[in-house]
Protein backbone atom coordinates (compact mmCIF):
# COMPACT_ATOMS: atom_id res chain seq x y z
CA TYR A 1 -15.78 -2.49 11.35
CA SER A 2 -13.87 -4.82 9.06
CA ILE A 3 -13.28 -5.29 5.35
CA GLY A 4 -12.93 -8.69 3.75
CA SER A 5 -9.81 -9.29 1.64
CA PRO A 6 -8.16 -5.99 2.67
CA PHE A 7 -5.54 -5.94 -0.09
CA SER A 8 -7.90 -6.67 -2.99
CA SER A 9 -10.56 -4.34 -1.56
CA TRP A 10 -8.01 -1.54 -1.20
CA LEU A 11 -6.60 -2.16 -4.69
CA ARG A 12 -10.04 -2.20 -6.29
CA ALA A 13 -11.17 0.99 -4.54
CA THR A 14 -8.01 3.01 -5.15
CA CYS A 15 -6.66 1.88 -8.54
CA VAL A 16 -8.52 4.32 -10.79
CA PRO A 17 -8.16 7.54 -8.70
CA ALA A 18 -4.54 6.61 -7.92
CA ILE A 19 -3.73 6.24 -11.63
CA ALA A 20 -5.39 9.60 -12.31
CA ALA A 21 -3.40 11.25 -9.51
CA MET A 22 -0.11 9.72 -10.71
CA ALA A 23 -0.79 10.82 -14.28
CA LEU A 24 -1.62 14.42 -13.34
CA THR A 25 0.91 15.00 -10.55
CA PRO A 26 3.88 15.57 -12.94
CA LEU A 27 1.89 18.33 -14.64
CA LEU A 28 1.33 20.05 -11.28
CA VAL A 29 5.00 19.65 -10.37
CA ALA A 30 6.11 21.12 -13.70
CA LYS A 31 3.79 24.08 -13.12
CA ILE A 32 4.68 25.01 -9.54
CA THR A 33 8.35 23.98 -9.57
CA PRO A 34 9.51 24.05 -13.20
CA PRO A 35 12.73 22.07 -13.77
CA GLU A 36 15.93 24.01 -14.36
CA VAL A 37 17.21 21.36 -16.80
CA ARG A 38 14.66 20.11 -19.31
CA LEU A 39 16.80 18.00 -21.63
CA THR A 40 19.19 15.29 -20.39
CA PRO A 41 20.21 13.26 -23.46
CA GLU A 42 23.28 11.92 -21.64
CA ALA A 43 21.24 10.44 -18.77
CA PRO A 44 20.57 6.99 -20.35
CA LYS A 45 24.26 6.45 -21.15
CA GLU A 46 25.30 7.56 -17.67
CA ALA A 47 22.76 5.22 -16.11
CA GLU A 48 24.03 2.34 -18.23
CA ARG A 49 27.61 3.10 -17.20
CA LYS A 50 26.68 3.13 -13.52
CA LEU A 51 24.84 -0.18 -13.86
CA LYS A 52 27.91 -1.75 -15.44
CA GLU A 53 30.03 -0.44 -12.56
CA MET A 54 27.66 -2.05 -10.08
CA GLY A 55 27.91 -5.42 -11.83
CA PRO A 56 25.36 -8.26 -11.55
CA PRO A 57 23.17 -8.60 -8.46
CA SER A 58 24.92 -10.27 -5.53
CA ARG A 59 23.61 -13.36 -3.72
CA SER A 60 22.36 -11.24 -0.83
CA GLU A 61 20.56 -8.84 -3.17
CA LEU A 62 18.82 -11.70 -4.98
CA ILE A 63 17.72 -13.28 -1.69
CA LEU A 64 16.47 -9.93 -0.42
CA ALA A 65 14.51 -9.29 -3.64
CA GLY A 66 13.01 -12.78 -3.59
CA THR A 67 12.08 -12.51 0.08
CA MET A 68 10.42 -9.14 -0.38
CA LEU A 69 8.42 -10.38 -3.39
CA GLY A 70 7.37 -13.46 -1.46
CA MET A 71 6.30 -11.39 1.54
CA LEU A 72 4.29 -9.07 -0.70
CA PHE A 73 2.62 -12.07 -2.36
CA PHE A 74 1.59 -13.70 0.92
CA TRP A 75 0.57 -10.37 2.46
CA ALA A 76 -1.65 -9.56 -0.52
CA GLY A 77 -3.21 -13.03 -0.39
CA SER A 78 -3.41 -13.34 3.40
CA SER A 79 -7.17 -13.89 3.37
CA VAL A 80 -6.84 -16.55 0.65
CA PHE A 81 -3.94 -18.47 2.20
CA GLY A 82 -5.07 -18.01 5.78
CA ILE A 83 -1.63 -16.66 6.74
CA SER A 84 -1.58 -13.57 8.92
CA PRO A 85 0.63 -10.60 7.95
CA ILE A 86 2.52 -11.04 11.25
CA THR A 87 3.48 -14.60 10.28
CA THR A 88 4.61 -13.38 6.86
CA ALA A 89 6.76 -10.67 8.44
CA LEU A 90 8.38 -13.09 10.88
CA VAL A 91 9.12 -15.66 8.17
CA GLY A 92 10.63 -12.90 6.02
CA ILE A 93 12.95 -11.57 8.72
CA CYS A 94 13.95 -15.10 9.74
CA THR A 95 14.81 -15.90 6.12
CA LEU A 96 17.09 -12.87 5.90
CA LEU A 97 18.75 -13.72 9.21
CA LEU A 98 19.28 -17.42 8.41
CA THR A 99 20.80 -16.61 5.01
CA ASN A 100 23.10 -13.96 6.53
CA VAL A 101 21.62 -11.23 4.40
CA LEU A 102 21.03 -9.47 7.71
CA THR A 103 22.64 -9.98 11.08
CA TRP A 104 21.02 -9.39 14.42
CA GLN A 105 23.48 -6.55 14.93
CA ASP A 106 22.02 -4.89 11.81
CA CYS A 107 18.56 -5.16 13.35
CA ALA A 108 19.64 -4.03 16.81
CA SER A 109 21.42 -0.96 15.42
CA GLU A 110 18.23 0.40 13.83
CA SER A 111 17.38 2.57 16.82
CA GLY A 112 14.84 4.58 14.85
CA ALA A 113 12.86 1.45 14.01
CA TRP A 114 12.84 0.30 17.64
CA THR A 115 11.73 3.77 18.76
CA THR A 116 8.88 3.69 16.23
CA LEU A 117 7.86 0.19 17.33
CA THR A 118 7.84 1.21 21.00
CA TRP A 119 5.77 4.34 20.52
CA PHE A 120 3.47 2.64 18.05
CA SER A 121 2.73 -0.17 20.50
CA ILE A 122 2.03 2.35 23.28
CA LEU A 123 -0.26 4.47 21.11
CA VAL A 124 -2.12 1.47 19.70
CA SER A 125 -2.59 0.01 23.18
CA MET A 126 -3.90 3.34 24.51
CA SER A 127 -6.25 3.65 21.55
CA ALA A 128 -7.53 0.10 22.06
CA LEU A 129 -8.09 0.70 25.78
CA LEU A 130 -9.96 3.96 25.17
CA ASN A 131 -12.13 2.14 22.67
CA LYS A 132 -12.70 -0.77 25.07
CA ARG A 133 -13.71 1.56 27.91
CA GLY A 134 -16.22 3.31 25.67
CA VAL A 135 -14.42 6.66 25.62
CA VAL A 136 -14.16 6.70 21.83
CA GLN A 137 -17.85 5.85 21.40
CA TRP A 138 -18.85 8.46 23.98
CA LEU A 139 -16.72 11.17 22.33
CA ALA A 140 -17.87 10.21 18.83
CA ALA A 141 -21.53 10.19 19.85
CA GLY A 142 -21.18 13.62 21.46
CA ILE A 143 -19.51 15.23 18.46
CA ALA A 144 -21.84 13.44 16.04
CA GLY A 145 -24.76 14.85 18.02
CA LYS A 146 -23.35 18.37 17.72
CA ILE A 147 -22.96 17.93 13.97
CA ALA A 148 -26.52 16.64 13.65
CA ALA A 149 -27.79 19.54 15.76
CA ALA A 150 -26.08 21.91 13.33
CA GLY A 151 -28.37 20.55 10.63
CA LEU A 152 -25.69 18.84 8.54
CA SER A 153 -26.74 15.80 6.57
CA THR A 154 -24.57 12.73 5.94
CA TRP A 155 -22.28 13.94 3.18
CA PRO A 156 -21.61 17.47 4.49
CA SER A 157 -20.80 15.84 7.84
CA PHE A 158 -18.52 13.39 6.06
CA TRP A 159 -16.53 16.16 4.38
CA VAL A 160 -16.34 18.30 7.52
CA LEU A 161 -14.95 15.38 9.52
CA LEU A 162 -12.59 14.30 6.74
CA MET A 163 -11.15 17.81 6.40
CA LEU A 164 -10.74 18.12 10.17
CA TYR A 165 -8.92 14.79 10.24
CA THR A 166 -6.71 15.71 7.28
CA PHE A 167 -5.65 19.24 8.25
CA SER A 168 -5.14 18.34 11.89
CA HIS A 169 -1.97 16.65 10.64
CA TYR A 170 -0.28 20.05 11.00
CA LEU A 171 -0.32 19.24 14.73
CA PHE A 172 1.35 15.84 14.40
CA ALA A 173 4.97 14.91 13.79
CA SER A 174 4.25 11.47 12.36
CA GLN A 175 1.61 9.49 10.52
CA ILE A 176 1.69 6.77 13.17
CA ALA A 177 0.84 9.16 15.99
CA HIS A 178 -1.96 10.75 13.96
CA VAL A 179 -3.54 7.49 12.86
CA SER A 180 -3.22 5.90 16.31
CA ALA A 181 -4.81 8.88 18.04
CA LEU A 182 -7.53 9.98 15.62
CA TYR A 183 -8.37 7.29 13.07
CA VAL A 184 -10.80 5.27 15.20
CA PRO A 185 -12.60 8.27 16.76
CA PHE A 186 -13.14 9.91 13.37
CA LEU A 187 -14.23 6.62 11.83
CA VAL A 188 -16.86 6.17 14.55
CA MET A 189 -18.02 9.78 14.15
CA MET A 190 -18.42 9.35 10.39
CA VAL A 191 -20.47 6.19 10.83
CA HIS A 192 -22.57 7.85 13.56
CA THR A 193 -23.43 10.68 11.15
CA GLY A 194 -24.54 8.24 8.44
CA SER A 195 -21.46 7.56 6.31
CA PRO A 196 -21.17 3.99 4.96
CA PRO A 197 -18.49 2.20 7.02
CA THR A 198 -16.48 1.09 3.97
CA VAL A 199 -16.39 4.63 2.57
CA ALA A 200 -15.32 6.04 5.94
CA ILE A 201 -12.58 3.41 6.36
CA MET A 202 -11.20 3.97 2.87
CA ALA A 203 -11.44 7.77 2.95
CA LEU A 204 -9.57 8.07 6.25
CA ALA A 205 -6.94 5.55 5.10
CA ILE A 206 -6.35 7.49 1.88
CA SER A 207 -6.17 10.77 3.78
CA SER A 208 -3.60 9.19 6.11
CA ASN A 209 -1.38 8.67 3.08
CA VAL A 210 -1.86 11.85 1.06
CA PHE A 211 -1.12 14.20 3.97
CA CYS A 212 2.39 12.76 4.41
CA SER A 213 3.90 15.59 2.33
CA LEU A 214 2.05 18.38 4.11
CA THR A 215 4.98 19.53 6.28
CA PRO A 216 8.71 18.73 6.60
CA TYR A 217 7.88 16.70 9.72
CA SER A 218 4.64 15.04 8.58
CA SER A 219 6.09 11.56 8.00
CA ALA A 220 9.24 9.53 8.52
CA GLN A 221 10.31 10.22 4.92
CA ALA A 222 9.68 13.97 4.92
CA PRO A 223 12.71 15.03 7.03
CA VAL A 224 14.98 12.91 4.81
CA PHE A 225 13.78 14.65 1.65
CA PHE A 226 13.83 18.07 3.31
CA GLY A 227 17.36 17.42 4.58
CA GLY A 228 18.57 17.17 1.00
CA GLY A 229 18.41 20.95 0.81
CA TYR A 230 16.67 21.14 -2.56
CA VAL A 231 13.49 22.71 -1.15
CA THR A 232 13.29 25.64 1.25
CA LEU A 233 10.98 25.60 4.27
CA LYS A 234 8.69 28.17 2.67
CA GLU A 235 8.49 26.17 -0.57
CA TRP A 236 7.73 22.96 1.31
CA TYR A 237 4.79 24.45 3.21
CA ARG A 238 3.42 26.07 0.06
CA ASP A 239 3.87 23.06 -2.22
CA GLY A 240 2.81 20.60 0.46
CA LEU A 241 -0.52 22.39 0.82
CA LEU A 242 -0.96 22.57 -2.97
CA PHE A 243 -0.28 18.86 -3.37
CA LEU A 244 -2.75 18.04 -0.61
CA LEU A 245 -5.48 20.22 -2.16
CA PHE A 246 -4.71 18.66 -5.54
CA ASN A 247 -5.11 15.16 -4.13
CA ILE A 248 -8.34 16.09 -2.34
CA LEU A 249 -9.69 17.35 -5.67
CA ILE A 250 -8.63 14.24 -7.61
CA TRP A 251 -9.83 11.75 -5.01
CA GLY A 252 -12.98 13.77 -4.30
CA ILE A 253 -14.03 13.76 -7.98
CA VAL A 254 -12.52 10.68 -9.61
CA GLY A 255 -12.69 8.66 -6.41
CA ALA A 256 -16.31 9.55 -5.77
CA VAL A 257 -17.34 8.54 -9.30
CA TRP A 258 -15.33 5.30 -9.15
CA TRP A 259 -16.70 4.33 -5.74
CA LYS A 260 -20.21 4.98 -7.04
CA VAL A 261 -19.51 2.61 -9.92
CA LEU A 262 -18.25 0.00 -7.44
CA GLY A 263 -21.38 0.45 -5.33
CA LEU A 264 -19.57 1.50 -2.16
CA TYR A 265 -22.31 4.04 -1.49
């Protein structure tokens, strides 16, 4: 399954529910974790003072900003310009290396990034091979048959599979591992049970983003935030679940209406 103009299609499908979620999230945060300090009149002056201390942007910072904006532009318009995202990434990293914004030693020292790349390539290759050998189709057809035998129609099947995919993230220590292992099988199962391919692709992709705060180990960013010590383990599990349920509600209502308007189903 494929989607034409991935960036514009993703932006069009997610803009309205994403704006609704961003607008309502602060209200949920204020309710479940009320701030200890509510008024900070000195914050703007302190921020201005810090900016003056930092001084104007350096040459390296300007090059980095320009390179990142350029990469984003060409990535978003990859289908228009006929330039693959891989080419854009390589041109971007070469620009930073040739202008001495980065050195190869900087790149080589990022052991975490190399570890992620290695495991990601292994998982993606395994997933592709399983799909090529027909294992994914066989598994999806079997599970889809069980769901059909249970008497579930298209949309109940869709929600059952989506919730299984989402909450199974408790068993994974990274988004990459989860997506690499389960995205394609669940996509095939959804389509086998009657879900429109575009809806299945988008729903699983959105789920793969909103579950990143579910646990302190659910994404690469989560351990960094948890390590700050501002949230206890108990609070993280409680609030992570609440935020996930909140997002399911927002995307399930606003997203469903918006996708109906767009004619995705």
